Amino acid sequence: MLPPGLAGQPGGVELGLEVADVDAVFHKWKEKGVQTVTPPMDLPFGRTFVARDPEGHLIRVYRMKQG
């Protein structure tokens, strides 16, 4: 699911990476200059943010809710 107002490219791919600490990854990537599309946010499935790789593909970083 993309954030409101963000459209995917036809035939595009979104890679999902499950991590232990979404906020730590977000801050580390920002420090390294990774283009982030959304800030970390809580959604019904868990915590997540979206970034882009150097070619523009979307990368969703997430942590599923426990329990």
C-alpha atoms as a PDB file:
ATOM      1  CA  MET A   1       0.000   0.000   0.000  1.00  0.00           C
ATOM      2  CA  LEU A   2       1.422   3.389  -1.013  1.00  0.00           C
ATOM      3  CA  PRO A   3       0.828   6.534   1.022  1.00  0.00           C
ATOM      4  CA  PRO A   4      -1.990   8.807  -0.249  1.00  0.00           C
ATOM      5  CA  GLY A   5      -0.905  10.870  -3.244  1.00  0.00           C
ATOM      6  CA  LEU A   6       1.981   8.558  -4.186  1.00  0.00           C
ATOM      7  CA  ALA A   7       1.408   6.562  -7.384  1.00  0.00           C
ATOM      8  CA  GLY A   8       3.490   3.588  -8.444  1.00  0.00           C
ATOM      9  CA  GLN A   9       4.898   3.208 -11.913  1.00  0.00           C
ATOM     10  CA  PRO A  10       3.193   0.636 -14.159  1.00  0.00           C
ATOM     11  CA  GLY A  11       5.291  -2.507 -13.917  1.00  0.00           C
ATOM     12  CA  GLY A  12       7.201  -0.988 -11.004  1.00  0.00           C
ATOM     13  CA  VAL A  13       8.401  -2.957  -8.024  1.00  0.00           C
ATOM     14  CA  GLU A  14       8.278  -2.194  -4.309  1.00  0.00           C
ATOM     15  CA  LEU A  15      10.803  -4.077  -2.230  1.00  0.00           C
ATOM     16  CA  GLY A  16       9.866  -4.733   1.403  1.00  0.00           C
ATOM     17  CA  LEU A  17      12.461  -5.089   4.154  1.00  0.00           C
ATOM     18  CA  GLU A  18      11.418  -6.208   7.633  1.00  0.00           C
ATOM     19  CA  VAL A  19      13.699  -4.766  10.324  1.00  0.00           C
ATOM     20  CA  ALA A  20      13.840  -4.790  14.123  1.00  0.00           C
ATOM     21  CA  ASP A  21      13.862  -0.968  14.526  1.00  0.00           C
ATOM     22  CA  VAL A  22      12.183   1.104  11.794  1.00  0.00           C
ATOM     23  CA  ASP A  23      13.142   4.457  13.334  1.00  0.00           C
ATOM     24  CA  ALA A  24      16.829   3.530  13.684  1.00  0.00           C
ATOM     25  CA  VAL A  25      16.998   2.441  10.025  1.00  0.00           C
ATOM     26  CA  PHE A  26      15.210   5.637   8.922  1.00  0.00           C
ATOM     27  CA  HIS A  27      17.709   7.869  10.756  1.00  0.00           C
ATOM     28  CA  LYS A  28      20.724   5.872   9.554  1.00  0.00           C
ATOM     29  CA  TRP A  29      19.535   6.008   5.934  1.00  0.00           C
ATOM     30  CA  LYS A  30      18.810   9.770   6.163  1.00  0.00           C
ATOM     31  CA  GLU A  31      22.364  10.317   7.462  1.00  0.00           C
ATOM     32  CA  LYS A  32      23.695   8.419   4.423  1.00  0.00           C
ATOM     33  CA  GLY A  33      21.622  10.508   1.995  1.00  0.00           C
ATOM     34  CA  VAL A  34      18.986   7.926   1.054  1.00  0.00           C
ATOM     35  CA  GLN A  35      15.912   9.611  -0.457  1.00  0.00           C
ATOM     36  CA  THR A  36      12.993   8.986   1.878  1.00  0.00           C
ATOM     37  CA  VAL A  37       9.427   9.297   0.596  1.00  0.00           C
ATOM     38  CA  THR A  38       7.597   9.137   3.932  1.00  0.00           C
ATOM     39  CA  PRO A  39       8.614   9.512   7.555  1.00  0.00           C
ATOM     40  CA  PRO A  40       8.169   6.543   9.897  1.00  0.00           C
ATOM     41  CA  MET A  41       4.474   6.010  10.642  1.00  0.00           C
ATOM     42  CA  ASP A  42       2.175   3.550  12.334  1.00  0.00           C
ATOM     43  CA  LEU A  43      -0.268   1.724  10.058  1.00  0.00           C
ATOM     44  CA  PRO A  44      -2.685  -1.102  10.934  1.00  0.00           C
ATOM     45  CA  PHE A  45      -0.052  -3.787  10.170  1.00  0.00           C
ATOM     46  CA  GLY A  46       2.828  -2.121  12.052  1.00  0.00           C
ATOM     47  CA  ARG A  47       5.435   0.651  11.757  1.00  0.00           C
ATOM     48  CA  THR A  48       6.841   1.605   8.339  1.00  0.00           C
ATOM     49  CA  PHE A  49       8.459   4.167   6.056  1.00  0.00           C
ATOM     50  CA  VAL A  50       9.101   4.297   2.314  1.00  0.00           C
ATOM     51  CA  ALA A  51      12.361   5.249   0.568  1.00  0.00           C
ATOM     52  CA  ARG A  52      13.725   5.132  -2.990  1.00  0.00           C
ATOM     53  CA  ASP A  53      16.791   3.340  -4.266  1.00  0.00           C
ATOM     54  CA  PRO A  54      19.199   5.167  -6.649  1.00  0.00           C
ATOM     55  CA  GLU A  55      17.127   4.026  -9.670  1.00  0.00           C
ATOM     56  CA  GLY A  56      13.858   5.298  -8.135  1.00  0.00           C
ATOM     57  CA  HIS A  57      12.357   1.981  -7.042  1.00  0.00           C
ATOM     58  CA  LEU A  58      10.353   2.088  -3.821  1.00  0.00           C
ATOM     59  CA  ILE A  59      11.652   0.343  -0.705  1.00  0.00           C
ATOM     60  CA  ARG A  60       9.243  -0.215   2.175  1.00  0.00           C
ATOM     61  CA  VAL A  61      10.952  -0.729   5.535  1.00  0.00           C
ATOM     62  CA  TYR A  62       8.619  -2.152   8.153  1.00  0.00           C
ATOM     63  CA  ARG A  63       8.150  -3.916  11.462  1.00  0.00           C
ATOM     64  CA  MET A  64       4.996  -6.011  11.877  1.00  0.00           C
ATOM     65  CA  LYS A  65       2.875  -5.514  14.988  1.00  0.00           C
ATOM     66  CA  GLN A  66       3.509  -8.115  17.644  1.00  0.00           C
ATOM     67  CA  GLY A  67       0.660 -10.078  19.094  1.00  0.00           C
END
